[in-house]
């Protein structure tokens, strides 16, 4: 495979980073523990890993070698890795007011799923999931604040 062929997954990685960055920007503006860059990197890495697996399977160097890649195993690996990052964003409040950062951890999992979706080349679905995630993070937070006794999560 020539080096130009290797670059064909970069647009997908960039697209995933843009989508992840949109969610990360929302988290950044709310001063959450994982923001713009972290969300971009998680989405881009997920897209890269899935794109790379497709590229390896299509590479003639591996033809007839019995190489098998299960994309769902890669998805599991991405989710496991993101879970560690997400766990680092969750904090127990020292004042005893509960746990903070669960929403940010969930948004990291969401951008990983968006990156995976891009890696599988479902670009429109990835955009729709991004818009849905942004709606959950913004519109529903606004609704929570309007209801009596609603403080919202983080």
C-alpha atoms as a PDB file:
ATOM      1  CA  UNK A   1       0.000   0.000   0.000  1.00  0.00           C
ATOM      2  CA  UNK A   2       1.355   3.386  -0.933  1.00  0.00           C
ATOM      3  CA  UNK A   3       1.456   6.272   1.498  1.00  0.00           C
ATOM      4  CA  UNK A   4      -1.377   8.111  -0.252  1.00  0.00           C
ATOM      5  CA  UNK A   5      -3.599   5.088   0.333  1.00  0.00           C
ATOM      6  CA  UNK A   6      -2.713   5.255   4.008  1.00  0.00           C
ATOM      7  CA  UNK A   7      -3.988   8.827   4.195  1.00  0.00           C
ATOM      8  CA  UNK A   8      -7.507   7.931   3.076  1.00  0.00           C
ATOM      9  CA  UNK A   9      -8.730   7.429   6.640  1.00  0.00           C
ATOM     10  CA  UNK A  10      -7.625  10.911   7.724  1.00  0.00           C
ATOM     11  CA  UNK A  11     -10.783  12.725   6.539  1.00  0.00           C
ATOM     12  CA  UNK A  12     -12.876  10.388   8.685  1.00  0.00           C
ATOM     13  CA  UNK A  13     -10.619  10.945  11.687  1.00  0.00           C
ATOM     14  CA  UNK A  14     -10.846  14.705  11.173  1.00  0.00           C
ATOM     15  CA  UNK A  15     -14.635  14.514  10.843  1.00  0.00           C
ATOM     16  CA  UNK A  16     -14.874  12.504  14.073  1.00  0.00           C
ATOM     17  CA  UNK A  17     -12.635  15.036  15.822  1.00  0.00           C
ATOM     18  CA  UNK A  18     -14.859  17.915  14.686  1.00  0.00           C
ATOM     19  CA  UNK A  19     -17.970  16.144  15.954  1.00  0.00           C
ATOM     20  CA  UNK A  20     -16.277  15.213  19.232  1.00  0.00           C
ATOM     21  CA  UNK A  21     -14.955  18.754  19.520  1.00  0.00           C
ATOM     22  CA  UNK A  22     -18.475  20.182  19.307  1.00  0.00           C
ATOM     23  CA  UNK A  23     -19.475  18.141  22.344  1.00  0.00           C
ATOM     24  CA  UNK A  24     -16.173  18.867  24.053  1.00  0.00           C
ATOM     25  CA  UNK A  25     -16.670  22.594  23.553  1.00  0.00           C
ATOM     26  CA  UNK A  26     -19.982  22.395  25.385  1.00  0.00           C
ATOM     27  CA  UNK A  27     -18.243  20.590  28.270  1.00  0.00           C
ATOM     28  CA  UNK A  28     -15.359  23.103  28.173  1.00  0.00           C
ATOM     29  CA  UNK A  29     -17.729  26.071  28.371  1.00  0.00           C
ATOM     30  CA  UNK A  30     -19.296  24.508  31.463  1.00  0.00           C
ATOM     31  CA  UNK A  31     -15.806  24.071  32.978  1.00  0.00           C
ATOM     32  CA  UNK A  32     -16.047  20.286  33.218  1.00  0.00           C
ATOM     33  CA  UNK A  33     -13.043  18.022  33.866  1.00  0.00           C
ATOM     34  CA  UNK A  34     -12.781  16.788  30.258  1.00  0.00           C
ATOM     35  CA  UNK A  35     -13.267  19.378  27.564  1.00  0.00           C
ATOM     36  CA  UNK A  36     -12.604  20.282  23.965  1.00  0.00           C
ATOM     37  CA  UNK A  37      -9.282  18.544  23.327  1.00  0.00           C
ATOM     38  CA  UNK A  38     -10.092  15.389  25.275  1.00  0.00           C
ATOM     39  CA  UNK A  39     -13.372  14.857  23.446  1.00  0.00           C
ATOM     40  CA  UNK A  40     -11.678  15.507  20.090  1.00  0.00           C
ATOM     41  CA  UNK A  41      -8.951  12.980  20.833  1.00  0.00           C
ATOM     42  CA  UNK A  42     -11.354  10.290  22.026  1.00  0.00           C
ATOM     43  CA  UNK A  43     -13.585  10.603  18.936  1.00  0.00           C
ATOM     44  CA  UNK A  44     -10.613  10.788  16.562  1.00  0.00           C
ATOM     45  CA  UNK A  45      -8.849   7.819  18.124  1.00  0.00           C
ATOM     46  CA  UNK A  46     -11.976   5.668  17.912  1.00  0.00           C
ATOM     47  CA  UNK A  47     -12.390   6.553  14.223  1.00  0.00           C
ATOM     48  CA  UNK A  48      -8.692   5.892  13.604  1.00  0.00           C
ATOM     49  CA  UNK A  49      -8.779   2.432  15.181  1.00  0.00           C
ATOM     50  CA  UNK A  50     -11.817   1.350  13.184  1.00  0.00           C
ATOM     51  CA  UNK A  51     -10.467   2.889   9.985  1.00  0.00           C
ATOM     52  CA  UNK A  52      -7.121   1.230  10.537  1.00  0.00           C
ATOM     53  CA  UNK A  53      -8.772  -2.161  10.974  1.00  0.00           C
ATOM     54  CA  UNK A  54     -10.609  -1.721   7.674  1.00  0.00           C
ATOM     55  CA  UNK A  55      -7.376  -0.677   5.989  1.00  0.00           C
ATOM     56  CA  UNK A  56      -5.465  -3.704   7.294  1.00  0.00           C
ATOM     57  CA  UNK A  57      -8.195  -6.073   6.128  1.00  0.00           C
ATOM     58  CA  UNK A  58      -8.063  -4.541   2.632  1.00  0.00           C
ATOM     59  CA  UNK A  59      -4.241  -4.577   2.468  1.00  0.00           C
ATOM     60  CA  UNK A  60      -2.871  -7.089  -0.027  1.00  0.00           C
ATOM     61  CA  UNK A  61       0.137  -7.807   2.208  1.00  0.00           C
ATOM     62  CA  UNK A  62      -2.096  -9.767   4.547  1.00  0.00           C
ATOM     63  CA  UNK A  63      -4.033 -11.687   1.886  1.00  0.00           C
ATOM     64  CA  UNK A  64      -3.885 -15.419   2.471  1.00  0.00           C
ATOM     65  CA  UNK A  65      -2.228 -15.061   5.891  1.00  0.00           C
ATOM     66  CA  UNK A  66      -5.373 -15.953   7.791  1.00  0.00           C
ATOM     67  CA  UNK A  67      -5.467 -12.531   9.442  1.00  0.00           C
ATOM     68  CA  UNK A  68      -8.861 -11.872  10.953  1.00  0.00           C
ATOM     69  CA  UNK A  69     -10.033  -8.720  12.632  1.00  0.00           C
ATOM     70  CA  UNK A  70     -13.336  -8.600  14.450  1.00  0.00           C
ATOM     71  CA  UNK A  71     -14.549  -4.985  14.399  1.00  0.00           C
ATOM     72  CA  UNK A  72     -16.734  -5.598  17.432  1.00  0.00           C
ATOM     73  CA  UNK A  73     -13.658  -6.544  19.460  1.00  0.00           C
ATOM     74  CA  UNK A  74     -12.136  -3.207  18.488  1.00  0.00           C
ATOM     75  CA  UNK A  75     -15.329  -1.497  19.630  1.00  0.00           C
ATOM     76  CA  UNK A  76     -15.023  -3.298  22.979  1.00  0.00           C
ATOM     77  CA  UNK A  77     -11.402  -2.177  23.301  1.00  0.00           C
ATOM     78  CA  UNK A  78     -12.332   1.438  22.589  1.00  0.00           C
ATOM     79  CA  UNK A  79     -15.138   1.345  25.142  1.00  0.00           C
ATOM     80  CA  UNK A  80     -12.844  -0.200  27.775  1.00  0.00           C
ATOM     81  CA  UNK A  81     -10.189   2.457  27.181  1.00  0.00           C
ATOM     82  CA  UNK A  82     -12.686   5.301  27.316  1.00  0.00           C
ATOM     83  CA  UNK A  83     -14.128   3.886  30.514  1.00  0.00           C
ATOM     84  CA  UNK A  84     -10.809   4.494  32.253  1.00  0.00           C
ATOM     85  CA  UNK A  85     -10.720   8.071  31.022  1.00  0.00           C
ATOM     86  CA  UNK A  86     -14.342   8.573  32.041  1.00  0.00           C
ATOM     87  CA  UNK A  87     -13.677   7.202  35.504  1.00  0.00           C
ATOM     88  CA  UNK A  88     -11.036   9.878  35.944  1.00  0.00           C
ATOM     89  CA  UNK A  89     -13.648  12.587  35.388  1.00  0.00           C
ATOM     90  CA  UNK A  90     -15.935  11.355  38.163  1.00  0.00           C
ATOM     91  CA  UNK A  91     -15.377  12.843  41.589  1.00  0.00           C
ATOM     92  CA  UNK A  92     -17.107  12.348  44.908  1.00  0.00           C
ATOM     93  CA  UNK A  93     -17.873  15.716  46.429  1.00  0.00           C
ATOM     94  CA  UNK A  94     -15.947  16.403  49.625  1.00  0.00           C
ATOM     95  CA  UNK A  95     -18.890  18.340  50.985  1.00  0.00           C
ATOM     96  CA  UNK A  96     -21.084  15.266  50.750  1.00  0.00           C
ATOM     97  CA  UNK A  97     -23.263  16.735  48.010  1.00  0.00           C
ATOM     98  CA  UNK A  98     -23.002  13.683  45.791  1.00  0.00           C
ATOM     99  CA  UNK A  99     -20.991  12.628  42.775  1.00  0.00           C
ATOM    100  CA  UNK A 100     -19.823  14.974  40.023  1.00  0.00           C
ATOM    101  CA  UNK A 101     -18.608  14.339  36.498  1.00  0.00           C
ATOM    102  CA  UNK A 102     -20.907  11.496  35.511  1.00  0.00           C
ATOM    103  CA  UNK A 103     -22.374  13.473  32.620  1.00  0.00           C
ATOM    104  CA  UNK A 104     -18.901  14.273  31.321  1.00  0.00           C
ATOM    105  CA  UNK A 105     -17.927  10.606  31.564  1.00  0.00           C
ATOM    106  CA  UNK A 106     -21.071   9.747  29.609  1.00  0.00           C
ATOM    107  CA  UNK A 107     -20.235  12.391  26.992  1.00  0.00           C
ATOM    108  CA  UNK A 108     -16.800  10.796  26.546  1.00  0.00           C
ATOM    109  CA  UNK A 109     -18.478   7.461  25.921  1.00  0.00           C
ATOM    110  CA  UNK A 110     -20.820   9.183  23.461  1.00  0.00           C
ATOM    111  CA  UNK A 111     -17.954  10.729  21.470  1.00  0.00           C
ATOM    112  CA  UNK A 112     -16.211   7.355  21.401  1.00  0.00           C
ATOM    113  CA  UNK A 113     -19.391   5.898  19.917  1.00  0.00           C
ATOM    114  CA  UNK A 114     -19.490   8.776  17.433  1.00  0.00           C
ATOM    115  CA  UNK A 115     -15.888   8.041  16.437  1.00  0.00           C
ATOM    116  CA  UNK A 116     -16.714   4.354  16.061  1.00  0.00           C
ATOM    117  CA  UNK A 117     -19.701   5.266  13.890  1.00  0.00           C
ATOM    118  CA  UNK A 118     -17.465   7.410  11.669  1.00  0.00           C
ATOM    119  CA  UNK A 119     -14.914   4.591  11.567  1.00  0.00           C
ATOM    120  CA  UNK A 120     -17.628   2.332  10.175  1.00  0.00           C
ATOM    121  CA  UNK A 121     -18.360   5.086   7.592  1.00  0.00           C
ATOM    122  CA  UNK A 122     -21.832   5.993   8.870  1.00  0.00           C
ATOM    123  CA  UNK A 123     -21.208   9.726   8.641  1.00  0.00           C
ATOM    124  CA  UNK A 124     -24.803  10.960   8.665  1.00  0.00           C
ATOM    125  CA  UNK A 125     -25.627   8.785  11.674  1.00  0.00           C
ATOM    126  CA  UNK A 126     -22.573  10.169  13.490  1.00  0.00           C
ATOM    127  CA  UNK A 127     -23.769  13.726  12.839  1.00  0.00           C
ATOM    128  CA  UNK A 128     -27.264  12.856  14.076  1.00  0.00           C
ATOM    129  CA  UNK A 129     -25.859  11.300  17.274  1.00  0.00           C
ATOM    130  CA  UNK A 130     -23.711  14.391  17.816  1.00  0.00           C
ATOM    131  CA  UNK A 131     -26.742  16.688  17.501  1.00  0.00           C
ATOM    132  CA  UNK A 132     -28.762  14.447  19.802  1.00  0.00           C
ATOM    133  CA  UNK A 133     -25.970  14.435  22.391  1.00  0.00           C
ATOM    134  CA  UNK A 134     -25.682  18.229  22.229  1.00  0.00           C
ATOM    135  CA  UNK A 135     -29.446  18.477  22.706  1.00  0.00           C
ATOM    136  CA  UNK A 136     -29.251  16.290  25.801  1.00  0.00           C
ATOM    137  CA  UNK A 137     -26.400  18.359  27.228  1.00  0.00           C
ATOM    138  CA  UNK A 138     -27.923  21.771  26.508  1.00  0.00           C
ATOM    139  CA  UNK A 139     -31.694  21.629  26.095  1.00  0.00           C
ATOM    140  CA  UNK A 140     -32.323  19.111  28.847  1.00  0.00           C
ATOM    141  CA  UNK A 141     -30.058  21.029  31.229  1.00  0.00           C
ATOM    142  CA  UNK A 142     -32.131  24.130  30.517  1.00  0.00           C
ATOM    143  CA  UNK A 143     -35.331  22.145  31.229  1.00  0.00           C
ATOM    144  CA  UNK A 144     -33.848  20.754  34.475  1.00  0.00           C
ATOM    145  CA  UNK A 145     -33.055  24.247  35.706  1.00  0.00           C
ATOM    146  CA  UNK A 146     -36.605  25.416  34.994  1.00  0.00           C
ATOM    147  CA  UNK A 147     -38.342  22.724  37.012  1.00  0.00           C
ATOM    148  CA  UNK A 148     -38.850  23.300  40.747  1.00  0.00           C
ATOM    149  CA  UNK A 149     -35.864  22.049  42.750  1.00  0.00           C
ATOM    150  CA  UNK A 150     -33.906  21.123  39.628  1.00  0.00           C
ATOM    151  CA  UNK A 151     -30.174  21.747  39.753  1.00  0.00           C
ATOM    152  CA  UNK A 152     -28.915  19.516  36.972  1.00  0.00           C
ATOM    153  CA  UNK A 153     -25.921  17.194  36.839  1.00  0.00           C
ATOM    154  CA  UNK A 154     -22.376  17.637  35.663  1.00  0.00           C
END
